């Protein structure tokens, strides 16, 4: 007879999740599954994934799935008073996860060098489709884009005409989260 552990591996770890849609939220949900205290920070308009797929009210199945086990707060990061609240949360956080386009966090004064200088123990995780630098770093990136440019769609051709086909799941976002 086995017994459940009295403490999950990430119990006591505090994570601020500033990410949206799937890659970041799924990654932080996995941290919550392992016992981390995850706080989802959403803009006043809410995470876009609230409006993707089957939903009841403003809670889609996707949003619920990738934000399970989290607490949440609404902060408008363009407001100084809301930034002050975020900095209070950062003072107690171990990890920050964001998936904004490169440069967006710097414009808010929330880039890795700034935050890590103010909060030396902070682990800063930045998810971006094409990296932080380079000719495509500022491009909007979605799972379908990464499926196309990575060759995943070409490796799954349409059975009738042989044309590249997108997988009917957000495989790249999910792999990124893992």
Protein backbone atom coordinates (compact mmCIF):
# COMPACT_ATOMS: atom_id res chain seq x y z
CA UNK A 1 0.00 0.00 0.00
CA UNK A 2 1.51 3.33 -1.03
CA UNK A 3 0.73 6.63 0.56
CA UNK A 4 0.71 10.05 -1.03
CA UNK A 5 3.65 12.27 -0.12
CA UNK A 6 2.87 14.80 2.58
CA UNK A 7 4.53 17.52 0.54
CA UNK A 8 4.56 18.04 -3.20
CA UNK A 9 7.97 18.75 -4.78
CA UNK A 10 7.33 22.45 -5.48
CA UNK A 11 5.40 23.26 -2.32
CA UNK A 12 6.61 26.63 -1.03
CA UNK A 13 7.67 27.88 -4.49
CA UNK A 14 5.82 31.03 -5.56
CA UNK A 15 5.24 31.69 -9.26
CA UNK A 16 3.84 34.78 -10.96
CA UNK A 17 2.26 33.86 -14.28
CA UNK A 18 2.05 36.87 -16.59
CA UNK A 19 1.70 34.65 -19.65
CA UNK A 20 -1.34 34.18 -21.87
CA UNK A 21 -3.08 31.64 -24.10
CA UNK A 22 -1.39 28.19 -23.88
CA UNK A 23 2.42 27.86 -23.68
CA UNK A 24 3.05 29.83 -20.50
CA UNK A 25 -0.22 29.06 -18.72
CA UNK A 26 0.17 25.33 -19.36
CA UNK A 27 3.77 25.43 -18.09
CA UNK A 28 2.71 27.17 -14.88
CA UNK A 29 -0.28 24.81 -14.46
CA UNK A 30 2.24 21.96 -14.45
CA UNK A 31 4.15 23.81 -11.71
CA UNK A 32 0.89 24.20 -9.74
CA UNK A 33 0.25 20.46 -10.18
CA UNK A 34 3.56 19.90 -8.40
CA UNK A 35 2.59 22.13 -5.48
CA UNK A 36 3.80 25.60 -6.53
CA UNK A 37 1.68 28.56 -5.45
CA UNK A 38 0.90 30.13 -8.84
CA UNK A 39 -0.72 33.53 -9.22
CA UNK A 40 -2.15 34.20 -12.67
CA UNK A 41 -1.91 37.91 -13.57
CA UNK A 42 -4.46 38.88 -16.21
CA UNK A 43 -5.11 42.19 -17.94
CA UNK A 44 -8.55 43.80 -17.44
CA UNK A 45 -9.67 42.27 -20.76
CA UNK A 46 -8.72 38.79 -19.52
CA UNK A 47 -6.51 36.12 -21.06
CA UNK A 48 -7.38 35.51 -24.72
CA UNK A 49 -7.84 31.81 -24.01
CA UNK A 50 -11.03 32.63 -22.10
CA UNK A 51 -12.62 33.12 -25.52
CA UNK A 52 -11.23 30.09 -27.39
CA UNK A 53 -13.38 26.99 -27.77
CA UNK A 54 -16.37 25.77 -25.77
CA UNK A 55 -17.14 28.06 -22.84
CA UNK A 56 -19.56 28.80 -20.09
CA UNK A 57 -19.61 32.51 -19.50
CA UNK A 58 -16.04 33.77 -19.80
CA UNK A 59 -14.48 30.43 -18.85
CA UNK A 60 -13.54 28.29 -21.81
CA UNK A 61 -12.51 24.67 -21.39
CA UNK A 62 -9.02 25.63 -22.60
CA UNK A 63 -8.69 28.45 -20.06
CA UNK A 64 -9.78 26.18 -17.22
CA UNK A 65 -7.39 23.43 -18.33
CA UNK A 66 -4.26 25.59 -18.54
CA UNK A 67 -5.03 27.69 -15.46
CA UNK A 68 -6.01 24.96 -13.03
CA UNK A 69 -4.70 25.19 -9.51
CA UNK A 70 -3.88 28.92 -9.68
CA UNK A 71 -5.00 31.97 -7.83
CA UNK A 72 -5.59 35.04 -9.97
CA UNK A 73 -5.50 38.81 -9.97
CA UNK A 74 -6.36 41.44 -12.56
CA UNK A 75 -3.65 44.06 -13.08
CA UNK A 76 -3.31 46.68 -15.78
CA UNK A 77 0.48 46.77 -16.12
CA UNK A 78 0.28 50.21 -17.75
CA UNK A 79 -0.98 51.72 -14.48
CA UNK A 80 1.58 52.75 -11.86
CA UNK A 81 -0.63 51.69 -8.94
CA UNK A 82 -1.08 48.23 -10.50
CA UNK A 83 2.68 47.98 -11.16
CA UNK A 84 3.21 48.70 -7.45
CA UNK A 85 0.99 45.70 -6.62
CA UNK A 86 2.97 43.55 -9.06
CA UNK A 87 6.23 44.60 -7.36
CA UNK A 88 4.75 43.62 -3.98
CA UNK A 89 3.99 40.19 -5.44
CA UNK A 90 7.47 40.00 -6.98
CA UNK A 91 9.06 40.64 -3.58
CA UNK A 92 7.63 37.29 -2.45
CA UNK A 93 7.98 35.41 -5.75
CA UNK A 94 10.56 32.82 -6.76
CA UNK A 95 9.64 32.63 -10.46
CA UNK A 96 8.10 34.93 -13.05
CA UNK A 97 6.84 33.49 -16.36
CA UNK A 98 5.92 35.72 -19.30
CA UNK A 99 5.34 35.21 -23.01
CA UNK A 100 5.04 38.75 -24.32
CA UNK A 101 6.74 39.66 -27.57
CA UNK A 102 10.37 40.70 -27.06
CA UNK A 103 10.63 44.28 -25.85
CA UNK A 104 7.15 44.49 -24.33
CA UNK A 105 8.32 43.78 -20.78
CA UNK A 106 11.19 46.28 -21.15
CA UNK A 107 8.71 49.00 -22.17
CA UNK A 108 6.87 48.32 -18.91
CA UNK A 109 10.12 48.38 -16.90
CA UNK A 110 9.68 44.66 -16.21
CA UNK A 111 12.54 43.18 -18.26
CA UNK A 112 14.78 40.47 -16.81
CA UNK A 113 17.80 42.67 -15.96
CA UNK A 114 15.62 45.22 -14.15
CA UNK A 115 13.56 42.69 -12.20
CA UNK A 116 16.46 40.40 -11.35
CA UNK A 117 18.46 43.38 -10.04
CA UNK A 118 15.53 44.38 -7.83
CA UNK A 119 14.72 40.77 -6.86
CA UNK A 120 18.02 38.81 -6.95
CA UNK A 121 16.49 35.40 -6.17
CA UNK A 122 13.93 35.69 -8.99
CA UNK A 123 13.99 33.14 -11.80
CA UNK A 124 12.76 34.96 -14.91
CA UNK A 125 11.28 32.77 -17.65
CA UNK A 126 10.54 34.36 -21.02
CA UNK A 127 8.82 32.34 -23.74
CA UNK A 128 9.06 33.69 -27.28
CA UNK A 129 8.34 32.14 -30.64
CA UNK A 130 11.45 33.27 -32.50
CA UNK A 131 13.76 34.15 -29.60
CA UNK A 132 14.65 37.50 -28.07
CA UNK A 133 16.81 38.76 -30.94
CA UNK A 134 17.02 38.27 -34.67
CA UNK A 135 15.05 39.31 -37.72
CA UNK A 136 11.78 37.63 -36.68
CA UNK A 137 11.92 38.15 -32.90
CA UNK A 138 9.17 40.79 -32.88
CA UNK A 139 6.74 38.84 -35.05
CA UNK A 140 3.41 37.67 -33.69
CA UNK A 141 3.67 33.93 -33.20
CA UNK A 142 0.94 31.36 -32.85
CA UNK A 143 1.07 27.59 -32.78
CA UNK A 144 0.11 27.34 -36.47
CA UNK A 145 3.01 29.63 -37.43
CA UNK A 146 5.50 27.46 -35.56
CA UNK A 147 3.99 24.29 -37.06
CA UNK A 148 4.55 25.78 -40.51
CA UNK A 149 8.07 27.19 -40.10
CA UNK A 150 9.36 24.22 -38.12
CA UNK A 151 8.25 21.69 -40.73
CA UNK A 152 5.74 19.90 -38.51
CA UNK A 153 2.93 20.62 -40.97
CA UNK A 154 5.06 19.31 -43.86
CA UNK A 155 5.69 16.09 -41.96
CA UNK A 156 1.91 15.55 -41.74
CA UNK A 157 0.73 15.92 -45.34
CA UNK A 158 -2.91 15.88 -46.36
CA UNK A 159 -3.77 12.30 -47.34
CA UNK A 160 -5.60 13.39 -50.50
CA UNK A 161 -3.28 15.96 -52.06
CA UNK A 162 0.00 15.69 -50.14
CA UNK A 163 -0.06 19.37 -49.10
CA UNK A 164 1.32 20.29 -45.66
CA UNK A 165 -1.39 20.16 -42.99
CA UNK A 166 -1.65 21.78 -39.59
CA UNK A 167 -2.23 19.39 -36.72
CA UNK A 168 -5.63 19.96 -35.16
CA UNK A 169 -4.08 20.63 -31.77
CA UNK A 170 -1.73 23.24 -30.37
CA UNK A 171 1.18 20.80 -30.35
CA UNK A 172 3.97 23.42 -30.42
CA UNK A 173 2.51 25.42 -27.53
CA UNK A 174 2.08 22.24 -25.52
CA UNK A 175 5.61 21.03 -26.25
CA UNK A 176 6.94 24.44 -25.25
CA UNK A 177 5.05 24.19 -21.96
CA UNK A 178 6.53 20.78 -21.25
